[in-house]
C-alpha cells in the first residue's frame, strides 16, 4: 500500500489523501496534443487508490490499453488549504515528482464524446510518486526544475517558471473548489514530450540536481 515518504525513505505521519491534478499547464504540451491553451487551471482528481510508489518497478495493466507517461512536479500539502488561505505556499510540506499515467486512446475517445476522463486518468496505480523533500515558500518561489528519461533518452524537462499558472495561483484556484487537507497532493501539470511506455523500459526522474529515481516498466500480474 502506498505511503508518503521522505527522501530518507522514512514514512511520514501524513495520511494519503486525494491527488488534485492540473491539465495543460505548459503551453508546449497543450500544443503537442492539439489542445487549446486554458484560460484557467483545468483540474481533475485521482483518488488515493491511484497512487503508488515510483519504485524499482512500474507495473502497467496492458488490458487497459497503451499507457502514456506525463512527468510532473508534485506538491505535498502539510496544512489545510481552503478559500480563506492567503499564502498557500506556506502550507506545502514537501515537493517530489510523479508520473501521471494516461490511457491516451481512451482519453481521446471520452473527450470526443464529451464524457468525463476519470477512467483514462484515475485508474489504479496511475499516479507513480517519488519520495518528497521538505520545502518552504522561498524554495518554491525560487523555481524548480526536473527531468524524465526513458531508456536513457531525455524525454521531458520541466521548469516551474514555464507553468501557465504558477504554484501559488494553482493552489488558490484549487481551493475555490476543493479544500486541500494534510496528505493531499497536487500534480502540477506536464511539459511537452509525453509518449507511450513499453514493457522493460528503464525510467528515471530527477528533481533539480538531486537524487535520480529509477524504475523499470513491467507487466502487471493478474
N, C-alpha and C. Protein backbone atom coordinates (compact mmCIF):
# COMPACT_ATOMS: atom_id res chain seq x y z
N UNK A 1 0.85 -1.20 0.00
CA UNK A 1 0.00 0.00 0.00
C UNK A 1 0.88 1.25 0.00
N UNK A 2 0.50 2.24 -0.80
CA UNK A 2 1.28 3.46 -0.91
C UNK A 2 1.24 4.26 0.38
N UNK A 3 2.40 4.79 0.77
CA UNK A 3 2.53 5.76 1.86
C UNK A 3 3.46 6.87 1.39
N UNK A 4 3.14 8.11 1.77
CA UNK A 4 4.07 9.19 1.50
C UNK A 4 5.39 8.92 2.23
N UNK A 5 6.52 9.21 1.56
CA UNK A 5 7.83 9.01 2.16
C UNK A 5 8.69 10.25 1.95
N UNK A 6 9.56 10.50 2.92
CA UNK A 6 10.62 11.47 2.73
C UNK A 6 11.75 10.84 1.95
N UNK A 7 12.64 11.67 1.41
CA UNK A 7 13.74 11.16 0.60
C UNK A 7 14.64 10.20 1.39
N UNK A 8 14.63 10.32 2.70
CA UNK A 8 15.40 9.41 3.56
C UNK A 8 14.78 8.02 3.61
N UNK A 9 13.67 7.81 2.87
CA UNK A 9 12.93 6.56 2.80
C UNK A 9 12.15 6.28 4.08
N UNK A 10 11.94 7.32 4.89
CA UNK A 10 11.15 7.19 6.11
C UNK A 10 9.70 7.56 5.80
N UNK A 11 8.76 6.70 6.21
CA UNK A 11 7.35 7.04 6.08
C UNK A 11 7.05 8.26 6.94
N UNK A 12 6.11 9.07 6.52
CA UNK A 12 5.74 10.26 7.29
C UNK A 12 4.38 10.07 7.92
N UNK A 13 4.08 10.92 8.90
CA UNK A 13 2.84 10.79 9.65
C UNK A 13 1.62 11.22 8.84
N UNK A 14 1.82 11.99 7.77
CA UNK A 14 0.68 12.48 6.99
C UNK A 14 -0.07 11.33 6.35
N UNK A 15 -1.40 11.38 6.35
CA UNK A 15 -2.18 10.35 5.67
C UNK A 15 -2.08 10.50 4.16
N UNK A 16 -2.55 9.50 3.45
CA UNK A 16 -2.61 9.58 1.99
C UNK A 16 -4.01 10.01 1.60
N UNK A 17 -4.10 11.15 0.94
CA UNK A 17 -5.39 11.68 0.54
C UNK A 17 -5.56 11.65 -0.97
N UNK A 18 -6.29 12.60 -1.47
CA UNK A 18 -6.56 12.70 -2.90
C UNK A 18 -5.40 13.39 -3.62
N UNK A 19 -5.37 13.24 -4.93
CA UNK A 19 -4.44 13.98 -5.77
C UNK A 19 -5.26 14.90 -6.66
N UNK A 20 -5.04 16.19 -6.53
CA UNK A 20 -5.67 17.15 -7.46
C UNK A 20 -4.66 17.41 -8.57
N UNK A 21 -5.07 17.16 -9.78
CA UNK A 21 -4.17 17.19 -10.94
C UNK A 21 -4.53 18.35 -11.86
N UNK A 22 -3.52 18.86 -12.52
CA UNK A 22 -3.68 20.02 -13.38
C UNK A 22 -3.36 19.63 -14.82
N UNK A 23 -4.28 19.85 -15.71
CA UNK A 23 -4.06 19.56 -17.12
C UNK A 23 -3.61 20.80 -17.88
N UNK A 24 -2.76 20.61 -18.87
CA UNK A 24 -2.37 21.68 -19.80
C UNK A 24 -1.81 22.90 -19.09
N UNK A 25 -0.82 22.69 -18.23
CA UNK A 25 -0.24 23.81 -17.51
C UNK A 25 1.06 24.30 -18.16
N UNK A 26 1.41 23.74 -19.31
CA UNK A 26 2.55 24.20 -20.11
C UNK A 26 2.06 24.40 -21.54
N UNK A 27 2.37 25.54 -22.13
CA UNK A 27 1.86 25.86 -23.47
C UNK A 27 2.27 24.81 -24.49
N UNK A 28 3.53 24.40 -24.47
CA UNK A 28 4.02 23.46 -25.49
C UNK A 28 3.32 22.11 -25.38
N UNK A 29 2.97 21.67 -24.17
CA UNK A 29 2.26 20.40 -24.02
C UNK A 29 0.85 20.51 -24.58
N UNK A 30 0.16 21.61 -24.30
CA UNK A 30 -1.18 21.78 -24.87
C UNK A 30 -1.12 21.71 -26.39
N UNK A 31 -0.10 22.35 -26.96
CA UNK A 31 0.00 22.37 -28.43
C UNK A 31 0.36 21.02 -29.00
N UNK A 32 1.20 20.23 -28.29
CA UNK A 32 1.60 18.93 -28.85
C UNK A 32 0.42 17.97 -28.95
N UNK A 33 -0.61 18.18 -28.11
CA UNK A 33 -1.81 17.34 -28.16
C UNK A 33 -2.96 18.03 -28.86
N UNK A 34 -2.64 19.15 -29.55
CA UNK A 34 -3.65 19.91 -30.31
C UNK A 34 -4.81 20.35 -29.43
N UNK A 35 -4.49 20.76 -28.19
CA UNK A 35 -5.50 21.26 -27.27
C UNK A 35 -5.36 22.78 -27.14
N UNK A 36 -6.46 23.47 -26.88
CA UNK A 36 -6.37 24.91 -26.65
C UNK A 36 -5.64 25.20 -25.34
N UNK A 37 -4.96 26.33 -25.27
CA UNK A 37 -4.30 26.75 -24.04
C UNK A 37 -5.38 27.29 -23.09
N UNK A 38 -5.49 26.75 -21.88
CA UNK A 38 -6.60 27.13 -21.00
C UNK A 38 -6.47 28.54 -20.44
N UNK A 39 -7.61 29.13 -20.13
CA UNK A 39 -7.66 30.45 -19.51
C UNK A 39 -7.67 30.35 -17.99
N UNK A 40 -7.99 29.18 -17.48
CA UNK A 40 -7.99 28.91 -16.04
C UNK A 40 -7.50 27.48 -15.85
N UNK A 41 -6.98 27.13 -14.68
CA UNK A 41 -6.47 25.77 -14.48
C UNK A 41 -7.54 24.71 -14.77
N UNK A 42 -7.13 23.70 -15.51
CA UNK A 42 -8.00 22.56 -15.83
C UNK A 42 -7.72 21.48 -14.80
N UNK A 43 -8.71 21.18 -13.95
CA UNK A 43 -8.49 20.33 -12.79
C UNK A 43 -9.23 19.01 -12.90
N UNK A 44 -8.61 17.96 -12.40
CA UNK A 44 -9.27 16.67 -12.22
C UNK A 44 -8.65 16.00 -11.01
N UNK A 45 -9.27 14.93 -10.53
CA UNK A 45 -8.83 14.29 -9.29
C UNK A 45 -8.51 12.82 -9.52
N UNK A 46 -7.43 12.39 -8.90
CA UNK A 46 -7.14 10.96 -8.76
C UNK A 46 -7.42 10.59 -7.30
N UNK A 47 -8.10 9.47 -7.05
CA UNK A 47 -8.31 9.04 -5.67
C UNK A 47 -7.03 8.46 -5.08
N UNK A 48 -7.02 8.24 -3.79
CA UNK A 48 -5.83 7.68 -3.14
C UNK A 48 -5.47 6.31 -3.71
N UNK A 49 -6.46 5.57 -4.21
CA UNK A 49 -6.20 4.24 -4.78
C UNK A 49 -5.38 4.31 -6.07
N UNK A 50 -5.29 5.50 -6.67
CA UNK A 50 -4.49 5.66 -7.89
C UNK A 50 -3.01 5.84 -7.60
N UNK A 51 -2.65 6.09 -6.34
CA UNK A 51 -1.26 6.42 -6.02
C UNK A 51 -0.44 5.17 -5.73
N UNK A 52 0.80 5.19 -6.20
CA UNK A 52 1.74 4.10 -5.97
C UNK A 52 3.15 4.69 -5.95
N UNK A 53 4.10 3.92 -5.46
CA UNK A 53 5.49 4.38 -5.43
C UNK A 53 6.09 4.34 -6.83
N UNK A 54 6.86 5.37 -7.16
CA UNK A 54 7.77 5.28 -8.31
C UNK A 54 8.98 4.53 -7.77
N UNK A 55 8.88 3.21 -7.80
CA UNK A 55 9.88 2.36 -7.17
C UNK A 55 10.65 1.57 -8.19
N UNK A 56 11.26 0.46 -7.76
CA UNK A 56 12.06 -0.35 -8.69
C UNK A 56 11.27 -0.81 -9.92
N UNK A 57 9.96 -1.01 -9.74
CA UNK A 57 9.14 -1.44 -10.87
C UNK A 57 7.90 -0.55 -11.00
N UNK A 58 7.55 -0.25 -12.24
CA UNK A 58 6.29 0.42 -12.57
C UNK A 58 5.45 -0.58 -13.34
N UNK A 59 4.41 -1.10 -12.69
CA UNK A 59 3.59 -2.15 -13.29
C UNK A 59 2.42 -1.53 -14.05
N UNK A 60 2.23 -1.93 -15.30
CA UNK A 60 1.12 -1.41 -16.09
C UNK A 60 0.20 -2.56 -16.52
N UNK A 61 -1.08 -2.27 -16.55
CA UNK A 61 -2.10 -3.25 -16.90
C UNK A 61 -2.38 -3.13 -18.40
N UNK A 62 -1.77 -3.99 -19.17
CA UNK A 62 -1.88 -3.90 -20.63
C UNK A 62 -3.30 -4.09 -21.14
N UNK A 63 -4.16 -4.75 -20.34
CA UNK A 63 -5.53 -4.96 -20.79
C UNK A 63 -6.31 -3.65 -20.89
N UNK A 64 -5.81 -2.60 -20.23
CA UNK A 64 -6.48 -1.30 -20.29
C UNK A 64 -6.10 -0.50 -21.53
N UNK A 65 -5.02 -0.89 -22.20
CA UNK A 65 -4.56 -0.16 -23.37
C UNK A 65 -3.19 0.44 -23.15
N UNK A 66 -2.73 1.19 -24.14
CA UNK A 66 -1.41 1.80 -24.10
C UNK A 66 -1.37 2.91 -23.04
N UNK A 67 -0.32 2.85 -22.21
CA UNK A 67 -0.12 3.84 -21.16
C UNK A 67 0.87 4.90 -21.62
N UNK A 68 0.52 6.17 -21.47
CA UNK A 68 1.43 7.26 -21.75
C UNK A 68 1.93 7.86 -20.45
N UNK A 69 3.20 8.25 -20.43
CA UNK A 69 3.78 8.91 -19.26
C UNK A 69 3.58 10.42 -19.37
N UNK A 70 3.41 11.06 -18.23
CA UNK A 70 3.41 12.52 -18.10
C UNK A 70 4.15 12.84 -16.80
N UNK A 71 5.37 13.31 -16.89
CA UNK A 71 6.18 13.61 -15.71
C UNK A 71 5.76 14.97 -15.13
N UNK A 72 5.62 15.03 -13.82
CA UNK A 72 5.09 16.24 -13.19
C UNK A 72 5.78 16.55 -11.86
N UNK A 73 5.78 17.81 -11.51
CA UNK A 73 6.18 18.28 -10.19
C UNK A 73 4.98 18.06 -9.26
N UNK A 74 5.26 17.51 -8.05
CA UNK A 74 4.19 17.15 -7.12
C UNK A 74 4.38 17.89 -5.81
N UNK A 75 3.32 18.55 -5.34
CA UNK A 75 3.34 19.27 -4.07
C UNK A 75 2.60 18.47 -3.01
N UNK A 76 3.18 18.36 -1.83
CA UNK A 76 2.57 17.65 -0.71
C UNK A 76 2.01 18.67 0.29
N UNK A 77 0.73 18.57 0.56
CA UNK A 77 0.07 19.51 1.47
C UNK A 77 0.35 19.12 2.91
N UNK A 78 0.84 20.08 3.69
CA UNK A 78 1.14 19.83 5.09
C UNK A 78 0.10 20.38 6.05
N UNK A 79 -0.59 21.45 5.64
CA UNK A 79 -1.64 22.06 6.45
C UNK A 79 -2.82 22.38 5.54
N UNK A 80 -3.99 22.43 6.13
CA UNK A 80 -5.22 22.66 5.38
C UNK A 80 -5.14 23.93 4.55
N UNK A 81 -5.55 23.83 3.28
CA UNK A 81 -5.63 24.98 2.38
C UNK A 81 -7.07 25.09 1.90
N UNK A 82 -7.74 26.16 2.29
CA UNK A 82 -9.11 26.40 1.82
C UNK A 82 -9.22 27.82 1.28
N UNK A 83 -10.44 28.24 1.02
CA UNK A 83 -10.64 29.55 0.39
C UNK A 83 -10.18 30.72 1.26
N UNK A 84 -10.05 30.50 2.55
CA UNK A 84 -9.62 31.58 3.43
C UNK A 84 -8.10 31.72 3.50
N UNK A 85 -7.38 30.79 2.91
CA UNK A 85 -5.91 30.79 2.99
C UNK A 85 -5.34 31.83 2.04
N UNK A 86 -4.54 32.75 2.56
CA UNK A 86 -4.00 33.84 1.74
C UNK A 86 -2.58 33.56 1.24
N UNK A 87 -1.85 32.68 1.91
CA UNK A 87 -0.49 32.35 1.48
C UNK A 87 -0.36 30.82 1.43
N UNK A 88 -0.93 30.18 0.42
CA UNK A 88 -0.98 28.72 0.40
C UNK A 88 0.39 28.04 0.32
N UNK A 89 1.38 28.72 -0.27
CA UNK A 89 2.70 28.09 -0.37
C UNK A 89 3.30 27.81 1.00
N UNK A 90 2.90 28.56 2.03
CA UNK A 90 3.38 28.31 3.38
C UNK A 90 2.88 26.99 3.94
N UNK A 91 1.88 26.40 3.30
CA UNK A 91 1.26 25.19 3.81
C UNK A 91 1.66 23.94 3.03
N UNK A 92 2.65 24.09 2.17
CA UNK A 92 3.19 22.95 1.43
C UNK A 92 4.37 22.39 2.21
N UNK A 93 4.31 21.09 2.53
CA UNK A 93 5.33 20.46 3.37
C UNK A 93 6.48 19.89 2.56
N UNK A 94 6.19 19.45 1.33
CA UNK A 94 7.24 18.78 0.57
C UNK A 94 6.99 18.88 -0.92
N UNK A 95 8.02 18.56 -1.66
CA UNK A 95 7.92 18.52 -3.13
C UNK A 95 8.60 17.26 -3.62
N UNK A 96 8.01 16.67 -4.64
CA UNK A 96 8.56 15.47 -5.27
C UNK A 96 8.18 15.47 -6.73
N UNK A 97 8.29 14.30 -7.34
CA UNK A 97 7.94 14.14 -8.75
C UNK A 97 6.96 12.98 -8.89
N UNK A 98 6.32 12.92 -10.03
CA UNK A 98 5.40 11.82 -10.28
C UNK A 98 5.16 11.63 -11.75
N UNK A 99 4.67 10.45 -12.08
CA UNK A 99 4.19 10.16 -13.43
C UNK A 99 2.67 10.07 -13.39
N UNK A 100 2.01 10.93 -14.14
CA UNK A 100 0.57 10.85 -14.34
C UNK A 100 0.37 9.93 -15.55
N UNK A 101 0.09 8.65 -15.27
CA UNK A 101 -0.09 7.70 -16.36
C UNK A 101 -1.48 7.89 -16.97
N UNK A 102 -1.53 7.85 -18.29
CA UNK A 102 -2.74 8.19 -19.02
C UNK A 102 -3.02 7.16 -20.10
N UNK A 103 -4.26 6.70 -20.16
CA UNK A 103 -4.70 5.83 -21.26
C UNK A 103 -5.13 6.76 -22.40
N UNK A 104 -4.18 7.11 -23.26
CA UNK A 104 -4.39 8.21 -24.21
C UNK A 104 -5.53 7.93 -25.20
N UNK A 105 -5.59 6.70 -25.71
CA UNK A 105 -6.64 6.39 -26.69
C UNK A 105 -8.02 6.49 -26.04
N UNK A 106 -8.13 5.99 -24.82
CA UNK A 106 -9.41 6.08 -24.12
C UNK A 106 -9.74 7.53 -23.79
N UNK A 107 -8.74 8.30 -23.38
CA UNK A 107 -8.97 9.71 -23.09
C UNK A 107 -9.50 10.44 -24.33
N UNK A 108 -8.89 10.17 -25.49
CA UNK A 108 -9.33 10.83 -26.73
C UNK A 108 -10.77 10.45 -27.07
N UNK A 109 -11.09 9.18 -26.86
CA UNK A 109 -12.46 8.72 -27.14
C UNK A 109 -13.46 9.39 -26.21
N UNK A 110 -13.13 9.47 -24.93
CA UNK A 110 -14.03 10.09 -23.96
C UNK A 110 -14.21 11.58 -24.24
N UNK A 111 -13.11 12.26 -24.58
CA UNK A 111 -13.19 13.69 -24.89
C UNK A 111 -14.08 13.93 -26.11
N UNK A 112 -13.92 13.08 -27.12
CA UNK A 112 -14.70 13.23 -28.35
C UNK A 112 -16.19 13.10 -28.06
N UNK A 113 -16.54 12.24 -27.09
CA UNK A 113 -17.95 12.02 -26.75
C UNK A 113 -18.45 13.01 -25.71
N UNK A 114 -17.54 13.87 -25.20
CA UNK A 114 -17.93 14.81 -24.18
C UNK A 114 -18.11 14.19 -22.81
N UNK A 115 -17.48 13.04 -22.59
CA UNK A 115 -17.61 12.33 -21.33
C UNK A 115 -16.46 12.66 -20.39
N UNK A 116 -16.62 12.44 -19.09
CA UNK A 116 -15.52 12.65 -18.14
C UNK A 116 -14.34 11.73 -18.46
N UNK A 117 -13.14 12.12 -18.01
CA UNK A 117 -11.91 11.39 -18.34
C UNK A 117 -11.47 10.40 -17.27
N UNK A 118 -12.19 10.31 -16.14
CA UNK A 118 -11.63 9.61 -14.99
C UNK A 118 -11.08 8.22 -15.29
N UNK A 119 -11.75 7.44 -16.11
CA UNK A 119 -11.25 6.09 -16.35
C UNK A 119 -9.92 6.08 -17.11
N UNK A 120 -9.62 7.16 -17.81
CA UNK A 120 -8.35 7.27 -18.53
C UNK A 120 -7.24 7.88 -17.69
N UNK A 121 -7.60 8.48 -16.55
CA UNK A 121 -6.63 9.23 -15.76
C UNK A 121 -6.53 8.79 -14.30
N UNK A 122 -7.58 8.19 -13.76
CA UNK A 122 -7.65 7.97 -12.31
C UNK A 122 -7.71 6.49 -11.95
N UNK A 123 -7.31 5.63 -12.86
CA UNK A 123 -7.34 4.19 -12.60
C UNK A 123 -6.26 3.81 -11.58
N UNK A 124 -6.35 2.61 -11.05
CA UNK A 124 -5.40 2.14 -10.05
C UNK A 124 -3.97 2.25 -10.56
N UNK A 125 -3.07 2.73 -9.70
CA UNK A 125 -1.63 2.84 -10.00
C UNK A 125 -1.34 3.78 -11.17
N UNK A 126 -2.17 4.78 -11.35
CA UNK A 126 -1.95 5.76 -12.43
C UNK A 126 -1.16 6.98 -11.96
N UNK A 127 -0.85 7.05 -10.68
CA UNK A 127 -0.06 8.15 -10.15
C UNK A 127 1.15 7.61 -9.42
N UNK A 128 2.30 7.58 -10.09
CA UNK A 128 3.52 6.99 -9.54
C UNK A 128 4.36 8.11 -8.92
N UNK A 129 4.55 8.06 -7.61
CA UNK A 129 5.08 9.20 -6.86
C UNK A 129 6.43 8.87 -6.23
N UNK A 130 7.40 9.78 -6.39
CA UNK A 130 8.71 9.63 -5.75
C UNK A 130 8.62 10.06 -4.29
N UNK A 131 9.66 9.80 -3.49
CA UNK A 131 9.74 10.41 -2.17
C UNK A 131 9.77 11.94 -2.28
N UNK A 132 9.47 12.59 -1.16
CA UNK A 132 9.42 14.05 -1.10
C UNK A 132 10.62 14.60 -0.35
N UNK A 133 10.97 15.84 -0.67
CA UNK A 133 11.95 16.58 0.13
C UNK A 133 11.22 17.72 0.82
N UNK A 134 11.61 18.08 2.05
CA UNK A 134 10.98 19.21 2.73
C UNK A 134 11.19 20.49 1.93
N UNK A 135 10.21 21.36 1.99
CA UNK A 135 10.27 22.57 1.17
C UNK A 135 9.62 23.72 1.94
N UNK A 136 9.99 24.95 1.57
CA UNK A 136 9.33 26.12 2.14
C UNK A 136 8.94 27.07 1.02
N UNK A 137 8.24 28.14 1.37
CA UNK A 137 7.71 29.09 0.40
C UNK A 137 8.83 29.68 -0.47
N UNK A 138 9.96 30.02 0.15
CA UNK A 138 11.05 30.65 -0.59
C UNK A 138 11.62 29.69 -1.63
N UNK A 139 11.76 28.42 -1.29
CA UNK A 139 12.26 27.43 -2.24
C UNK A 139 11.31 27.28 -3.42
N UNK A 140 10.01 27.26 -3.14
CA UNK A 140 9.03 27.12 -4.21
C UNK A 140 9.03 28.34 -5.12
N UNK A 141 9.14 29.51 -4.53
CA UNK A 141 9.12 30.74 -5.33
C UNK A 141 10.40 30.92 -6.15
N UNK A 142 11.49 30.30 -5.72
CA UNK A 142 12.76 30.45 -6.45
C UNK A 142 12.77 29.64 -7.74
N UNK A 143 11.84 28.71 -7.88
CA UNK A 143 11.74 27.91 -9.11
C UNK A 143 12.33 26.53 -8.95
N UNK A 144 11.69 25.56 -9.59
CA UNK A 144 12.11 24.16 -9.52
C UNK A 144 12.18 23.58 -10.93
N UNK A 145 13.18 22.77 -11.18
CA UNK A 145 13.31 22.10 -12.47
C UNK A 145 13.35 20.59 -12.24
N UNK A 146 13.02 19.85 -13.28
CA UNK A 146 13.06 18.38 -13.19
C UNK A 146 13.22 17.79 -14.58
N UNK A 147 13.61 16.50 -14.58
CA UNK A 147 13.86 15.81 -15.85
C UNK A 147 13.33 14.37 -15.78
N UNK A 148 12.94 13.86 -16.95
CA UNK A 148 12.47 12.48 -17.07
C UNK A 148 13.15 11.83 -18.27
N UNK A 149 13.71 10.64 -18.03
CA UNK A 149 14.36 9.87 -19.10
C UNK A 149 13.63 8.56 -19.32
N UNK A 150 13.56 8.15 -20.57
CA UNK A 150 13.06 6.82 -20.95
C UNK A 150 14.19 6.14 -21.72
N UNK A 151 14.69 5.03 -21.16
CA UNK A 151 15.80 4.30 -21.78
C UNK A 151 16.99 5.21 -22.07
N UNK A 152 17.33 6.03 -21.06
CA UNK A 152 18.48 6.93 -21.08
C UNK A 152 18.36 8.06 -22.11
N UNK A 153 17.18 8.23 -22.69
CA UNK A 153 16.92 9.36 -23.57
C UNK A 153 16.08 10.38 -22.82
N UNK A 154 16.58 11.62 -22.74
CA UNK A 154 15.83 12.67 -22.06
C UNK A 154 14.55 12.97 -22.84
N UNK A 155 13.41 12.76 -22.20
CA UNK A 155 12.12 12.94 -22.86
C UNK A 155 11.40 14.22 -22.43
N UNK A 156 11.55 14.57 -21.15
CA UNK A 156 10.85 15.75 -20.65
C UNK A 156 11.77 16.54 -19.72
N UNK A 157 11.68 17.84 -19.85
CA UNK A 157 12.40 18.75 -18.97
C UNK A 157 11.40 19.81 -18.52
N UNK A 158 11.13 19.85 -17.21
CA UNK A 158 10.15 20.77 -16.68
C UNK A 158 10.79 21.89 -15.88
N UNK A 159 10.16 23.03 -15.88
CA UNK A 159 10.64 24.20 -15.13
C UNK A 159 9.41 24.94 -14.64
N UNK A 160 9.29 25.09 -13.32
CA UNK A 160 8.10 25.75 -12.78
C UNK A 160 7.94 27.18 -13.30
N UNK A 161 9.03 27.79 -13.74
CA UNK A 161 8.95 29.14 -14.30
C UNK A 161 8.16 29.17 -15.61
N UNK A 162 8.02 28.02 -16.25
CA UNK A 162 7.33 27.95 -17.54
C UNK A 162 5.86 27.54 -17.40
N UNK A 163 5.40 27.35 -16.18
CA UNK A 163 4.00 26.99 -15.99
C UNK A 163 3.10 28.15 -16.42
N UNK A 164 1.97 27.82 -17.00
CA UNK A 164 0.98 28.85 -17.33
C UNK A 164 0.44 29.47 -16.05
N UNK A 165 0.13 28.62 -15.08
CA UNK A 165 -0.38 29.05 -13.77
C UNK A 165 0.65 28.64 -12.73
N UNK A 166 1.24 29.61 -12.03
CA UNK A 166 2.29 29.27 -11.08
C UNK A 166 1.70 28.53 -9.87
N UNK A 167 2.57 28.05 -9.01
CA UNK A 167 2.12 27.18 -7.93
C UNK A 167 1.19 27.88 -6.96
N UNK A 168 1.46 29.13 -6.63
CA UNK A 168 0.57 29.88 -5.73
C UNK A 168 -0.81 30.06 -6.37
N UNK A 169 -0.84 30.40 -7.65
CA UNK A 169 -2.10 30.56 -8.37
C UNK A 169 -2.86 29.24 -8.42
N UNK A 170 -2.16 28.14 -8.69
CA UNK A 170 -2.82 26.83 -8.74
C UNK A 170 -3.50 26.51 -7.41
N UNK A 171 -2.77 26.69 -6.31
CA UNK A 171 -3.31 26.34 -5.01
C UNK A 171 -4.51 27.21 -4.66
N UNK A 172 -4.43 28.50 -4.99
CA UNK A 172 -5.55 29.40 -4.72
C UNK A 172 -6.78 29.00 -5.53
N UNK A 173 -6.58 28.69 -6.81
CA UNK A 173 -7.70 28.31 -7.66
C UNK A 173 -8.28 26.96 -7.25
N UNK A 174 -7.42 26.00 -6.91
CA UNK A 174 -7.90 24.70 -6.46
C UNK A 174 -8.77 24.86 -5.22
N UNK A 175 -8.31 25.67 -4.27
CA UNK A 175 -9.03 25.83 -3.00
C UNK A 175 -10.40 26.49 -3.16
N UNK A 176 -10.66 27.13 -4.29
CA UNK A 176 -12.00 27.66 -4.54
C UNK A 176 -13.03 26.55 -4.68
N UNK A 177 -12.56 25.37 -5.11
CA UNK A 177 -13.45 24.25 -5.38
C UNK A 177 -13.24 23.07 -4.43
N UNK A 178 -11.97 22.77 -4.12
CA UNK A 178 -11.63 21.60 -3.32
C UNK A 178 -10.74 22.02 -2.16
N UNK A 179 -11.20 21.83 -0.94
CA UNK A 179 -10.32 22.05 0.20
C UNK A 179 -9.21 21.00 0.17
N UNK A 180 -7.98 21.45 0.36
CA UNK A 180 -6.84 20.55 0.41
C UNK A 180 -6.50 20.27 1.87
N UNK A 181 -6.38 18.99 2.20
CA UNK A 181 -6.10 18.58 3.57
C UNK A 181 -4.68 18.02 3.67
N UNK A 182 -4.11 18.00 4.88
CA UNK A 182 -2.79 17.40 5.05
C UNK A 182 -2.75 15.98 4.48
N UNK A 183 -1.76 15.73 3.65
CA UNK A 183 -1.63 14.43 2.99
C UNK A 183 -2.17 14.41 1.57
N UNK A 184 -2.95 15.42 1.18
CA UNK A 184 -3.33 15.55 -0.23
C UNK A 184 -2.10 15.97 -1.03
N UNK A 185 -2.11 15.69 -2.32
CA UNK A 185 -1.04 16.15 -3.19
C UNK A 185 -1.63 16.90 -4.39
N UNK A 186 -0.79 17.72 -4.99
CA UNK A 186 -1.15 18.44 -6.21
C UNK A 186 -0.14 18.08 -7.28
N UNK A 187 -0.61 17.51 -8.38
CA UNK A 187 0.22 17.20 -9.53
C UNK A 187 0.06 18.36 -10.50
N UNK A 188 1.14 19.10 -10.73
CA UNK A 188 1.05 20.46 -11.26
C UNK A 188 1.05 20.58 -12.78
N UNK A 189 1.01 19.47 -13.51
CA UNK A 189 0.98 19.53 -14.96
C UNK A 189 2.29 19.10 -15.58
N UNK A 190 2.23 18.69 -16.83
CA UNK A 190 3.40 18.13 -17.50
C UNK A 190 3.86 19.01 -18.66
N UNK A 191 5.18 19.07 -18.91
CA UNK A 191 5.68 19.79 -20.09
C UNK A 191 5.55 18.92 -21.34
N UNK A 192 6.02 19.44 -22.45
CA UNK A 192 5.96 18.68 -23.70
C UNK A 192 6.88 17.46 -23.64
N UNK A 193 6.60 16.50 -24.54
CA UNK A 193 7.45 15.31 -24.63
C UNK A 193 6.80 14.04 -24.16
N UNK A 194 5.49 14.05 -23.92
CA UNK A 194 4.81 12.85 -23.45
C UNK A 194 4.86 11.76 -24.52
N UNK A 195 4.71 10.51 -24.08
CA UNK A 195 4.76 9.40 -25.02
C UNK A 195 4.36 8.10 -24.36
N UNK A 196 4.44 7.02 -25.12
CA UNK A 196 3.98 5.70 -24.67
C UNK A 196 5.07 4.95 -23.91
N UNK A 197 4.64 4.14 -22.96
CA UNK A 197 5.52 3.23 -22.24
C UNK A 197 5.48 1.85 -22.87
N UNK A 198 6.60 1.13 -22.76
CA UNK A 198 6.68 -0.25 -23.21
C UNK A 198 7.27 -1.10 -22.10
N UNK A 199 6.91 -2.36 -22.07
CA UNK A 199 7.46 -3.29 -21.10
C UNK A 199 8.99 -3.31 -21.24
N UNK A 200 9.67 -3.31 -20.10
CA UNK A 200 11.14 -3.31 -19.98
C UNK A 200 11.78 -1.95 -20.18
N UNK A 201 10.97 -0.89 -20.37
CA UNK A 201 11.55 0.46 -20.40
C UNK A 201 12.24 0.75 -19.08
N UNK A 202 13.37 1.42 -19.16
CA UNK A 202 14.04 1.95 -17.98
C UNK A 202 13.69 3.43 -17.85
N UNK A 203 13.18 3.81 -16.68
CA UNK A 203 12.70 5.16 -16.45
C UNK A 203 13.53 5.83 -15.36
N UNK A 204 13.73 7.15 -15.50
CA UNK A 204 14.44 7.91 -14.48
C UNK A 204 13.77 9.27 -14.29
N UNK A 205 13.70 9.70 -13.05
CA UNK A 205 13.19 11.02 -12.69
C UNK A 205 14.22 11.71 -11.80
N UNK A 206 14.40 13.02 -12.01
CA UNK A 206 15.33 13.78 -11.17
C UNK A 206 14.77 15.18 -10.93
N UNK A 207 14.74 15.58 -9.66
CA UNK A 207 14.34 16.92 -9.27
C UNK A 207 15.58 17.78 -9.11
N UNK A 208 15.71 18.83 -9.93
CA UNK A 208 16.90 19.66 -9.89
C UNK A 208 18.15 18.84 -10.10
N UNK A 209 19.13 19.01 -9.21
CA UNK A 209 20.37 18.23 -9.25
C UNK A 209 20.37 17.17 -8.16
N UNK A 210 19.19 16.80 -7.68
CA UNK A 210 19.08 15.85 -6.57
C UNK A 210 19.17 14.40 -7.00
N UNK A 211 18.70 13.54 -6.14
CA UNK A 211 18.75 12.10 -6.40
C UNK A 211 18.04 11.73 -7.69
N UNK A 212 18.55 10.71 -8.37
CA UNK A 212 17.89 10.16 -9.55
C UNK A 212 17.10 8.94 -9.10
N UNK A 213 15.82 8.92 -9.38
CA UNK A 213 14.95 7.79 -9.05
C UNK A 213 14.76 6.95 -10.31
N UNK A 214 14.87 5.64 -10.14
CA UNK A 214 14.85 4.72 -11.28
C UNK A 214 13.72 3.70 -11.14
N UNK A 215 13.20 3.28 -12.28
CA UNK A 215 12.15 2.27 -12.29
C UNK A 215 12.18 1.54 -13.64
N UNK A 216 11.70 0.30 -13.62
CA UNK A 216 11.58 -0.48 -14.86
C UNK A 216 10.11 -0.81 -15.07
N UNK A 217 9.63 -0.67 -16.29
CA UNK A 217 8.25 -0.97 -16.62
C UNK A 217 8.07 -2.47 -16.74
N UNK A 218 7.10 -3.00 -16.00
CA UNK A 218 6.81 -4.43 -16.02
C UNK A 218 5.31 -4.63 -16.27
N UNK A 219 4.96 -5.82 -16.68
CA UNK A 219 3.55 -6.17 -16.89
C UNK A 219 2.92 -6.45 -15.54
N UNK A 220 1.77 -5.82 -15.30
CA UNK A 220 1.07 -6.06 -14.05
C UNK A 220 0.54 -7.48 -14.00
N UNK A 221 0.79 -8.15 -12.88
CA UNK A 221 0.32 -9.52 -12.74
C UNK A 221 -1.18 -9.52 -12.54
N UNK A 222 -1.83 -10.56 -13.00
CA UNK A 222 -3.30 -10.64 -12.92
C UNK A 222 -3.74 -11.07 -11.52
